[in-house]
Amino acid sequence: MKTGFIGLGIMGRPMAKNLLKAGKELLVSDLNKDAVADVVKAGAQEATYAEIGEQCDRIIIMVPSGAISKSILFGESGVASTIKEGAIVCDMSSVTPVESKECYDGLKAKGVGFLDAPVSGGEPGAVNGTLAIMAGGDAEDFEAMQEYFDILGSSALLIGESGSGSVTKLANQVIVNNTIAVVSEAFVLAAKAGADPKKVYEAIRGGLAGSAVLDAKIPMIIERNFKPGGPIRINHKDIKNVVNTAHSIDVPIPYTAQLYEILQTLKIHGHMEDDHGGIVQYFEKLAGIEVKKFD
């Protein structure tokens, strides 16, 4: 059985390599030809969208937006132009539930399964095969993709019908990004007051304020390391999806709406390629202080 993998970015490239290490025969595609060459060197074969549709029984997509996913599937010479009945497409991108349902309906009409199965864990999770996978779609398609999820992640759960995986990822992004913002605000306060951020972190991490976000981001912030595992660019897109989705179903989201404006400010000031731990720079600018280790 051949597997298609489309999207070889920060997350997709290590995910594809993990599938190759597990013995999967991969056909891959990406606009970045250096990324394609790297994965081909690891054992994959480059292919067009139409070739992937024609030859692959399982197809994974990992791209920046739902618009791109839909174009890959339903555009001219896209995957859906050649896809075989009985195949399954698994979109692991972070998109809106509406976009996921549109893909599900469009492929269902061709006798093709579709799962929305976004992930959490960032680049480290992609590299280590420890992603948390949240899926929406039909149970039989989820079961058919389970062997892939076992390679790519440490957990995979079918949440419910099509779109529910994407909704879960939006909820995840609300929690993660707002937590980074609150942690940033707290540590800017501590730094401005003259406390050593490293010692503040060590003092609070074992208490109720401790979290995976705190442990992942504060050591990076203190070292001024904003190399992206999850770039602000992607989180800016995800939070925009949260705002649009929430407004469409009349859910007020005051904290996340403010967070979107924070991310928009960071965009204007050229921080889109920083890790989302770089959200701290917004609060640092307001207070005129940097959160960094003491000399």
Protein backbone atom coordinates (compact mmCIF):
# COMPACT_ATOMS: atom_id res chain seq x y z
CA MET A 1 0.00 0.00 0.00
CA LYS A 2 1.42 3.38 -1.03
CA THR A 3 0.93 6.43 1.15
CA GLY A 4 0.82 10.02 -0.04
CA PHE A 5 2.17 12.82 2.13
CA ILE A 6 1.59 16.43 1.07
CA GLY A 7 3.18 19.27 3.04
CA LEU A 8 6.78 19.02 4.24
CA GLY A 9 7.13 22.03 6.51
CA ILE A 10 8.32 22.26 10.11
CA MET A 11 5.87 19.54 11.14
CA GLY A 12 5.33 17.59 7.93
CA ARG A 13 8.94 16.83 7.12
CA PRO A 14 9.77 14.95 10.37
CA MET A 15 6.36 13.26 10.26
CA ALA A 16 7.05 11.95 6.76
CA LYS A 17 10.48 10.75 7.83
CA ASN A 18 8.96 8.85 10.76
CA LEU A 19 6.62 7.07 8.36
CA LEU A 20 9.59 6.15 6.17
CA LYS A 21 11.49 4.81 9.18
CA ALA A 22 8.46 2.66 9.98
CA GLY A 23 8.61 1.11 6.51
CA LYS A 24 5.86 3.04 4.71
CA GLU A 25 6.26 3.58 0.97
CA LEU A 26 5.77 7.33 0.53
CA LEU A 27 4.92 9.56 -2.40
CA VAL A 28 5.48 13.18 -1.35
CA SER A 29 4.82 16.68 -2.59
CA ASP A 30 5.60 20.22 -1.44
CA LEU A 31 6.23 23.60 -3.07
CA ASN A 32 9.57 23.72 -1.24
CA LYS A 33 11.79 21.56 -3.43
CA ASP A 34 14.62 21.52 -0.87
CA ALA A 35 12.24 19.89 1.60
CA VAL A 36 11.13 17.40 -1.05
CA ALA A 37 14.74 16.56 -1.90
CA ASP A 38 15.52 15.97 1.77
CA VAL A 39 12.62 13.54 2.24
CA VAL A 40 13.35 11.84 -1.09
CA LYS A 41 16.91 11.31 0.15
CA ALA A 42 15.40 9.54 3.16
CA GLY A 43 13.58 7.12 0.86
CA ALA A 44 10.42 8.80 -0.47
CA GLN A 45 9.42 9.39 -4.09
CA GLU A 46 8.33 12.80 -5.38
CA ALA A 47 4.92 12.90 -7.10
CA THR A 48 2.26 15.33 -8.28
CA TYR A 49 -1.10 15.67 -6.54
CA ALA A 50 -2.77 13.71 -9.33
CA GLU A 51 -0.17 10.95 -9.13
CA ILE A 52 -0.67 10.72 -5.38
CA GLY A 53 -4.43 10.47 -5.86
CA GLU A 54 -4.04 7.77 -8.49
CA GLN A 55 -1.48 5.61 -6.70
CA CYS A 56 -2.10 5.99 -2.97
CA ASP A 57 -4.69 4.34 -0.74
CA ARG A 58 -3.89 6.58 2.22
CA ILE A 59 -3.09 10.29 1.84
CA ILE A 60 -1.96 12.65 4.61
CA ILE A 61 -2.04 16.42 4.24
CA MET A 62 -0.09 18.78 6.53
CA VAL A 63 -0.29 22.34 5.20
CA PRO A 64 -0.78 25.86 6.64
CA SER A 65 -4.48 26.43 5.91
CA GLY A 66 -7.80 24.92 4.92
CA ALA A 67 -7.81 26.90 1.67
CA ILE A 68 -4.57 25.14 0.69
CA SER A 69 -5.99 21.73 1.68
CA LYS A 70 -9.07 22.33 -0.49
CA SER A 71 -6.93 23.47 -3.41
CA ILE A 72 -4.72 20.37 -3.13
CA LEU A 73 -7.77 18.13 -3.12
CA PHE A 74 -10.21 19.81 -5.48
CA GLY A 75 -8.13 22.12 -7.65
CA GLU A 76 -7.35 21.39 -11.28
CA SER A 77 -5.23 18.21 -11.42
CA GLY A 78 -5.72 17.87 -7.67
CA VAL A 79 -5.81 14.70 -5.63
CA ALA A 80 -9.56 14.26 -6.08
CA SER A 81 -9.23 14.30 -9.87
CA THR A 82 -7.68 10.82 -9.82
CA ILE A 83 -8.41 9.40 -6.37
CA LYS A 84 -9.73 5.84 -6.09
CA GLU A 85 -12.91 4.81 -4.37
CA GLY A 86 -12.09 3.37 -0.96
CA ALA A 87 -9.06 5.59 -0.37
CA ILE A 88 -8.79 7.70 2.79
CA VAL A 89 -7.54 11.27 3.04
CA CYS A 90 -6.37 12.46 6.47
CA ASP A 91 -5.91 16.22 6.82
CA MET A 92 -3.66 16.81 9.83
CA SER A 93 -3.53 20.56 9.22
CA SER A 94 -5.11 23.08 11.59
CA VAL A 95 -8.19 24.37 9.75
CA THR A 96 -11.76 25.42 10.51
CA PRO A 97 -14.48 22.82 11.06
CA VAL A 98 -16.40 24.26 8.11
CA GLU A 99 -13.45 23.62 5.80
CA SER A 100 -13.09 20.08 7.14
CA LYS A 101 -16.76 19.33 6.54
CA GLU A 102 -16.51 20.67 2.99
CA CYS A 103 -13.60 18.29 2.30
CA TYR A 104 -15.49 15.41 3.93
CA ASP A 105 -18.61 16.00 1.82
CA GLY A 106 -16.66 16.48 -1.41
CA LEU A 107 -14.70 13.25 -0.98
CA LYS A 108 -17.63 11.25 0.41
CA ALA A 109 -19.42 11.84 -2.89
CA LYS A 110 -16.53 10.00 -4.58
CA GLY A 111 -16.62 7.08 -2.15
CA VAL A 112 -13.49 8.35 -0.38
CA GLY A 113 -13.06 8.67 3.37
CA PHE A 114 -11.88 11.87 5.03
CA LEU A 115 -10.62 12.59 8.54
CA ASP A 116 -9.75 15.94 10.05
CA ALA A 117 -6.96 14.99 12.44
CA PRO A 118 -4.97 18.02 13.59
CA VAL A 119 -2.16 17.58 16.07
CA SER A 120 -0.60 19.17 19.14
CA GLY A 121 3.02 18.86 20.23
CA GLY A 122 4.88 21.16 17.88
CA GLU A 123 8.12 20.32 16.12
CA PRO A 124 9.48 18.24 19.06
CA GLY A 125 6.37 16.04 18.96
CA ALA A 126 6.63 15.68 15.19
CA VAL A 127 10.30 14.70 15.40
CA ASN A 128 9.83 12.27 18.30
CA GLY A 129 6.57 10.75 17.08
CA THR A 130 4.75 11.87 20.22
CA LEU A 131 2.04 14.10 18.77
CA ALA A 132 -1.42 14.25 20.31
CA ILE A 133 -3.88 13.57 17.48
CA MET A 134 -7.50 14.72 17.66
CA ALA A 135 -9.72 13.35 14.91
CA GLY A 136 -13.14 13.90 13.42
CA GLY A 137 -14.88 11.67 10.89
CA ASP A 138 -16.15 8.12 10.48
CA ALA A 139 -15.04 5.39 12.89
CA GLU A 140 -14.03 2.97 10.14
CA ASP A 141 -11.72 5.57 8.58
CA PHE A 142 -10.19 6.35 11.96
CA GLU A 143 -9.53 2.64 12.55
CA ALA A 144 -7.93 2.33 9.10
CA MET A 145 -5.57 5.22 9.92
CA GLN A 146 -4.71 3.97 13.42
CA GLU A 147 -1.44 2.33 12.34
CA TYR A 148 -0.29 5.70 10.98
CA PHE A 149 -1.34 7.51 14.14
CA ASP A 150 0.64 4.99 16.19
CA ILE A 151 3.76 5.97 14.25
CA LEU A 152 3.18 9.71 14.36
CA GLY A 153 1.83 10.20 17.86
CA SER A 154 1.60 9.03 21.42
CA SER A 155 -2.17 9.40 21.51
CA ALA A 156 -5.01 9.53 19.00
CA LEU A 157 -8.69 9.95 19.80
CA LEU A 158 -11.76 10.09 17.57
CA ILE A 159 -13.75 13.00 18.96
CA GLY A 160 -16.85 12.62 16.81
CA GLU A 161 -18.23 13.48 13.40
CA SER A 162 -16.43 15.39 10.66
CA GLY A 163 -15.14 18.76 11.88
CA SER A 164 -14.88 17.77 15.53
CA GLY A 165 -11.13 17.20 15.32
CA SER A 166 -10.69 20.71 13.94
CA VAL A 167 -12.90 22.14 16.71
CA THR A 168 -10.78 20.36 19.31
CA LYS A 169 -7.61 21.83 17.83
CA LEU A 170 -9.13 25.31 17.98
CA ALA A 171 -9.89 24.76 21.68
CA ASN A 172 -6.33 23.52 22.16
CA GLN A 173 -4.94 26.67 20.53
CA VAL A 174 -7.10 28.91 22.71
CA ILE A 175 -5.64 27.27 25.83
CA VAL A 176 -2.02 27.09 24.65
CA ASN A 177 -1.72 30.60 23.26
CA ASN A 178 -3.62 32.33 26.04
CA THR A 179 -1.47 30.44 28.55
CA ILE A 180 1.70 31.64 26.82
CA ALA A 181 0.36 35.19 26.95
CA VAL A 182 -0.51 35.01 30.66
CA VAL A 183 2.83 33.38 31.50
CA SER A 184 4.56 36.13 29.51
CA GLU A 185 2.72 38.86 31.38
CA ALA A 186 3.60 37.30 34.73
CA PHE A 187 7.30 36.95 33.94
CA VAL A 188 7.55 40.48 32.57
CA LEU A 189 6.12 41.64 35.90
CA ALA A 190 8.68 39.56 37.81
CA ALA A 191 11.59 40.75 35.66
CA LYS A 192 10.58 44.40 35.93
CA ALA A 193 10.41 44.01 39.72
CA GLY A 194 14.00 42.73 39.71
CA ALA A 195 13.41 39.01 40.34
CA ASP A 196 15.55 36.40 38.58
CA PRO A 197 13.18 34.80 36.00
CA LYS A 198 14.97 31.45 36.22
CA LYS A 199 14.46 31.27 39.98
CA VAL A 200 10.86 32.45 39.68
CA TYR A 201 10.27 29.61 37.22
CA GLU A 202 11.92 27.05 39.51
CA ALA A 203 9.85 28.29 42.46
CA ILE A 204 6.45 28.06 40.80
CA ARG A 205 6.73 25.16 38.37
CA GLY A 206 5.93 22.54 41.02
CA GLY A 207 2.78 24.29 42.20
CA LEU A 208 -0.63 24.95 40.69
CA ALA A 209 0.85 27.45 38.22
CA GLY A 210 3.03 24.71 36.73
CA SER A 211 2.12 23.48 33.26
CA ALA A 212 3.53 21.90 30.11
CA VAL A 213 3.42 25.36 28.53
CA LEU A 214 5.44 26.87 31.38
CA ASP A 215 8.05 24.10 31.14
CA ALA A 216 8.29 24.34 27.36
CA LYS A 217 8.42 28.11 26.94
CA ILE A 218 10.07 29.78 29.94
CA PRO A 219 13.51 28.11 29.45
CA MET A 220 13.40 29.24 25.79
CA ILE A 221 12.35 32.77 26.70
CA ILE A 222 15.06 33.11 29.36
CA GLU A 223 17.67 32.05 26.77
CA ARG A 224 16.10 34.42 24.19
CA ASN A 225 15.61 31.43 21.91
CA PHE A 226 12.70 32.07 19.57
CA LYS A 227 13.61 29.47 16.96
CA PRO A 228 10.18 28.21 15.94
CA GLY A 229 8.77 24.90 16.97
CA GLY A 230 5.35 26.47 16.46
CA PRO A 231 5.78 29.84 14.70
CA ILE A 232 3.61 32.83 15.57
CA ARG A 233 2.57 32.83 11.90
CA ILE A 234 0.72 29.53 12.32
CA ASN A 235 -0.76 30.46 15.69
CA HIS A 236 -1.91 33.82 14.30
CA LYS A 237 -3.80 31.88 11.61
CA ASP A 238 -5.23 29.43 14.15
CA ILE A 239 -6.45 32.16 16.49
CA LYS A 240 -8.04 33.99 13.54
CA ASN A 241 -9.86 30.71 12.80
CA VAL A 242 -10.97 30.57 16.44
CA VAL A 243 -12.36 34.12 16.29
CA ASN A 244 -14.18 33.52 13.00
CA THR A 245 -15.59 30.16 14.11
CA ALA A 246 -16.72 31.51 17.49
CA HIS A 247 -18.43 34.50 15.92
CA SER A 248 -20.22 32.28 13.40
CA ILE A 249 -21.88 30.33 16.24
CA ASP A 250 -22.40 33.30 18.61
CA VAL A 251 -19.76 32.39 21.20
CA PRO A 252 -18.16 35.45 22.86
CA ILE A 253 -14.39 35.02 23.28
CA PRO A 254 -13.09 38.18 24.97
CA TYR A 255 -9.69 36.82 26.03
CA THR A 256 -8.96 35.24 22.67
CA ALA A 257 -10.11 38.31 20.76
CA GLN A 258 -7.55 40.34 22.72
CA LEU A 259 -4.95 37.66 22.07
CA TYR A 260 -5.59 37.97 18.34
CA GLU A 261 -4.80 41.69 18.53
CA ILE A 262 -1.59 40.86 20.42
CA LEU A 263 -0.58 38.47 17.64
CA GLN A 264 -1.57 41.08 15.04
CA THR A 265 0.76 43.57 16.74
CA LEU A 266 3.60 41.03 16.67
CA LYS A 267 2.90 40.51 12.96
CA ILE A 268 3.23 44.22 12.27
CA HIS A 269 6.56 44.29 14.12
CA GLY A 270 8.05 41.39 12.15
CA HIS A 271 7.81 38.50 14.62
CA MET A 272 5.73 36.05 12.56
CA GLU A 273 8.56 33.53 12.19
CA ASP A 274 9.42 33.54 15.90
CA ASP A 275 8.31 30.66 18.09
CA HIS A 276 5.02 31.40 19.81
CA GLY A 277 7.02 31.76 23.03
CA GLY A 278 7.93 35.06 21.36
CA ILE A 279 4.51 36.37 22.43
CA VAL A 280 6.48 37.58 25.47
CA GLN A 281 7.99 40.30 23.28
CA TYR A 282 4.65 42.12 23.14
CA PHE A 283 4.56 42.45 26.94
CA GLU A 284 8.28 43.24 27.10
CA LYS A 285 7.77 46.15 24.72
CA LEU A 286 4.97 47.54 26.89
CA ALA A 287 7.07 47.35 30.06
CA GLY A 288 10.48 48.21 28.60
CA ILE A 289 12.16 45.07 29.97
CA GLU A 290 13.43 41.72 28.68
CA VAL A 291 12.83 38.40 30.44
CA LYS A 292 16.29 36.87 30.41
CA LYS A 293 18.66 35.05 32.73
CA PHE A 294 20.70 37.08 35.13
CA ASP A 295 24.42 37.51 34.41
